[in-house]
Protein backbone atom coordinates (compact mmCIF):
# COMPACT_ATOMS: atom_id res chain seq x y z
CA MET A 1 -16.46 22.23 -32.47
CA SER A 2 -20.22 22.40 -32.35
CA ASP A 3 -22.03 25.40 -30.86
CA ASN A 4 -25.04 23.16 -30.20
CA PRO A 5 -24.64 21.44 -26.80
CA PHE A 6 -26.80 18.47 -27.83
CA ALA A 7 -24.82 17.82 -31.01
CA LEU A 8 -21.60 18.10 -29.00
CA PHE A 9 -23.03 15.70 -26.39
CA ASP A 10 -23.88 13.21 -29.16
CA ASP A 11 -20.31 13.45 -30.53
CA TRP A 12 -18.79 12.84 -27.10
CA LEU A 13 -21.18 10.00 -26.26
CA THR A 14 -20.39 8.33 -29.61
CA ALA A 15 -16.67 8.55 -28.81
CA ALA A 16 -17.34 7.09 -25.35
CA GLN A 17 -19.34 4.21 -26.83
CA ALA A 18 -16.35 3.40 -29.06
CA ASN A 19 -13.69 3.75 -26.34
CA GLU A 20 -15.08 3.39 -22.83
CA PRO A 21 -14.74 -0.24 -21.65
CA ASN A 22 -17.89 -0.33 -19.47
CA ASP A 23 -21.23 1.47 -19.50
CA PRO A 24 -20.47 4.61 -21.54
CA ASN A 25 -24.02 5.74 -20.66
CA ALA A 26 -23.33 5.63 -16.89
CA MET A 27 -23.83 8.96 -15.16
CA ALA A 28 -23.69 10.18 -11.60
CA LEU A 29 -27.04 11.55 -10.49
CA ALA A 30 -26.96 14.07 -7.65
CA THR A 31 -30.15 14.96 -5.80
CA ALA A 32 -30.94 16.73 -2.55
CA ASP A 33 -33.76 16.12 -0.10
CA ALA A 34 -36.14 18.78 1.26
CA ASP A 35 -33.52 19.80 3.84
CA GLY A 36 -30.83 20.20 1.18
CA ARG A 37 -28.88 17.06 2.17
CA PRO A 38 -27.20 15.80 -1.03
CA SER A 39 -27.01 12.25 -2.30
CA VAL A 40 -25.29 10.89 -5.38
CA ARG A 41 -25.38 7.53 -7.18
CA MET A 42 -24.71 6.05 -10.60
CA VAL A 43 -27.61 5.51 -13.00
CA LEU A 44 -27.80 4.78 -16.72
CA LEU A 45 -28.82 7.28 -19.38
CA LYS A 46 -31.68 5.72 -21.35
CA GLY A 47 -32.72 8.58 -23.62
CA HIS A 48 -31.56 12.07 -24.50
CA GLY A 49 -32.16 14.99 -26.80
CA PRO A 50 -33.00 18.70 -26.69
CA GLU A 51 -35.89 17.95 -24.31
CA GLY A 52 -33.51 16.44 -21.73
CA PHE A 53 -31.74 13.40 -20.33
CA VAL A 54 -33.81 10.39 -19.20
CA PHE A 55 -33.20 7.68 -16.60
CA TYR A 56 -35.52 5.16 -14.92
CA THR A 57 -35.99 3.99 -11.34
CA ASN A 58 -38.31 2.68 -8.67
CA GLN A 59 -40.43 5.61 -7.50
CA HIS A 60 -40.11 4.39 -3.90
CA SER A 61 -36.32 4.78 -4.05
CA ARG A 62 -34.37 7.44 -2.20
CA LYS A 63 -33.62 9.29 -5.44
CA ALA A 64 -37.31 9.45 -6.32
CA GLY A 65 -38.12 10.70 -2.81
CA ASP A 66 -35.48 13.41 -3.16
CA LEU A 67 -36.90 14.43 -6.54
CA ALA A 68 -40.42 14.60 -5.12
CA ASP A 69 -39.16 17.00 -2.44
CA ASN A 70 -36.72 18.93 -4.62
CA PRO A 71 -37.25 18.44 -8.38
CA HIS A 72 -33.76 19.53 -9.46
CA ALA A 73 -30.72 17.40 -10.18
CA ALA A 74 -27.19 17.37 -11.49
CA LEU A 75 -25.70 14.74 -13.79
CA LEU A 76 -22.07 13.91 -14.41
CA PHE A 77 -20.69 11.80 -17.22
CA HIS A 78 -17.02 10.94 -16.64
CA TRP A 79 -15.19 9.09 -19.38
CA LYS A 80 -11.78 8.41 -17.89
CA SER A 81 -10.48 6.72 -21.04
CA LEU A 82 -11.21 9.90 -23.04
CA ARG A 83 -10.22 12.30 -20.24
CA ARG A 84 -13.55 14.10 -20.64
CA GLN A 85 -16.56 14.85 -18.53
CA ILE A 86 -19.92 16.54 -18.99
CA ARG A 87 -21.83 18.22 -16.16
CA ILE A 88 -25.57 18.89 -16.55
CA GLU A 89 -27.90 20.73 -14.17
CA GLY A 90 -31.60 21.41 -14.36
CA PRO A 91 -35.15 20.75 -13.23
CA VAL A 92 -36.55 17.23 -13.27
CA THR A 93 -39.97 15.98 -14.39
CA ALA A 94 -41.48 12.51 -14.64
CA VAL A 95 -41.76 10.98 -18.10
CA ASP A 96 -45.22 10.03 -19.33
CA ALA A 97 -46.58 6.50 -18.86
CA ALA A 98 -46.32 5.64 -22.57
CA LEU A 99 -42.58 6.38 -22.64
CA ALA A 100 -42.01 4.45 -19.39
CA ASP A 101 -44.01 1.49 -20.74
CA ALA A 102 -42.07 1.51 -24.02
CA TYR A 103 -38.69 1.53 -22.29
CA PHE A 104 -39.73 -1.07 -19.68
CA ALA A 105 -40.71 -3.46 -22.50
CA THR A 106 -37.12 -3.31 -23.88
CA ARG A 107 -35.54 -4.46 -20.60
CA HIS A 108 -34.39 -8.03 -20.16
CA ARG A 109 -37.13 -10.17 -18.64
CA ASP A 110 -35.07 -10.76 -15.47
CA SER A 111 -34.70 -7.00 -15.01
CA ARG A 112 -38.45 -6.53 -15.41
CA LEU A 113 -39.10 -9.24 -12.81
CA GLY A 114 -36.55 -7.63 -10.50
CA ALA A 115 -38.42 -4.33 -10.69
CA TRP A 116 -41.44 -6.09 -9.18
CA ALA A 117 -39.43 -7.99 -6.55
CA SER A 118 -37.34 -5.09 -5.24
CA ASP A 119 -38.30 -2.51 -2.64
CA GLN A 120 -35.39 -0.40 -3.87
CA SER A 121 -33.51 1.52 -1.18
CA ARG A 122 -35.47 -0.12 1.65
CA PRO A 123 -33.69 -2.26 4.28
CA LEU A 124 -33.30 -5.91 3.21
CA PRO A 125 -33.09 -8.47 6.04
CA SER A 126 -31.22 -10.99 3.88
CA ARG A 127 -30.31 -11.69 0.27
CA ALA A 128 -32.33 -14.92 0.58
CA GLU A 129 -35.50 -12.88 1.16
CA PHE A 130 -34.99 -10.93 -2.05
CA GLU A 131 -34.29 -14.13 -3.99
CA LEU A 132 -37.51 -15.68 -2.64
CA ARG A 133 -39.47 -12.59 -3.71
CA TYR A 134 -37.86 -12.74 -7.14
CA GLU A 135 -38.80 -16.41 -7.55
CA ALA A 136 -42.39 -15.66 -6.49
CA VAL A 137 -42.65 -12.91 -9.12
CA ARG A 138 -41.06 -15.17 -11.75
CA THR A 139 -43.68 -17.84 -10.99
CA ARG A 140 -46.50 -15.27 -11.05
CA TYR A 141 -45.59 -14.10 -14.57
CA GLU A 142 -44.56 -17.49 -15.99
CA GLY A 143 -45.62 -17.66 -19.65
CA GLN A 144 -46.90 -14.08 -19.82
CA GLU A 145 -45.60 -10.58 -20.39
CA VAL A 146 -44.23 -8.72 -17.39
CA PRO A 147 -46.01 -5.34 -17.16
CA ARG A 148 -44.38 -2.22 -15.80
CA PRO A 149 -44.99 -1.91 -12.05
CA PRO A 150 -47.02 1.17 -11.08
CA HIS A 151 -44.13 2.29 -8.84
CA TRP A 152 -41.50 2.20 -11.62
CA SER A 153 -41.02 5.02 -14.11
CA GLY A 154 -38.60 7.51 -15.56
CA TYR A 155 -37.40 11.05 -15.03
CA ARG A 156 -36.14 13.69 -17.42
CA VAL A 157 -33.53 16.27 -16.46
CA THR A 158 -34.13 19.36 -18.61
CA PRO A 159 -30.77 21.09 -18.74
CA SER A 160 -30.33 24.71 -17.77
CA ARG A 161 -26.51 24.34 -17.75
CA ILE A 162 -24.24 21.94 -19.65
CA GLU A 163 -20.48 22.04 -19.13
CA PHE A 164 -18.01 20.16 -21.33
CA TRP A 165 -14.63 19.54 -19.67
CA GLU A 166 -11.52 18.26 -21.44
CA ASP A 167 -8.29 17.35 -19.74
CA ARG A 168 -5.23 19.31 -20.83
CA PRO A 169 -1.59 18.99 -19.73
CA TYR A 170 -0.54 20.72 -16.50
CA ARG A 171 -4.19 21.02 -15.39
CA LEU A 172 -4.80 23.73 -18.02
CA HIS A 173 -8.14 22.12 -18.83
CA HIS A 174 -10.60 23.34 -21.45
CA ARG A 175 -14.11 24.07 -20.11
CA ARG A 176 -17.07 25.15 -22.27
CA LEU A 177 -20.28 26.18 -20.54
CA PHE A 178 -23.68 26.36 -22.24
CA THR A 179 -26.37 28.21 -20.27
CA ARG A 180 -30.01 28.15 -21.36
CA GLU A 181 -31.42 31.54 -22.38
CA GLY A 182 -35.07 31.31 -23.40
CA ASP A 183 -35.26 28.84 -26.26
CA GLY A 184 -31.55 29.07 -27.01
CA TRP A 185 -28.14 28.74 -25.45
CA LYS A 186 -25.44 31.16 -24.41
CA GLU A 187 -21.93 29.76 -24.69
CA GLY A 188 -18.85 30.75 -22.73
CA LEU A 189 -15.62 29.43 -21.30
CA LEU A 190 -14.63 28.80 -17.67
CA TYR A 191 -11.19 29.07 -16.16
CA PRO A 192 -9.70 25.63 -15.53
């Protein structure tokens, strides 16, 4: 087993990509608002490495509001088919515009149009209203590139803790915890 949490993460993600039937890069993102009220939702991991774990969203969304008030988050990858999970905690920062632009350009055109049409997390009077907005944006950008909206970007969770959990018979699970210490990592085990 690796003593580098990022190499171990890569190994587990590779196994999930080969075995998990849907969205092996799906992760639960937990945030809390300024009053400490928690909220959790699923997002997709779109980049990772020693600098952190990256996801993208509308900056007017509830999650972005929580992160503006309280720039810390927890992530959870749960791969039921592998009977494994990874928990990550740490501070959150916005990615730079160049990285957000580069990722946005890789999205399917319909997803890019949807980013313009959606007031994510805001009340929607009817599905028909959203579809009308989407069609208006589609017409606006007909025959041209769809630029990244100014209210759409990414966030990076820089881990201070990474826990690797493996299911074992009789709930005698194996838990490895990596805790950041300066530029390195301290490794230990947790009781199941």
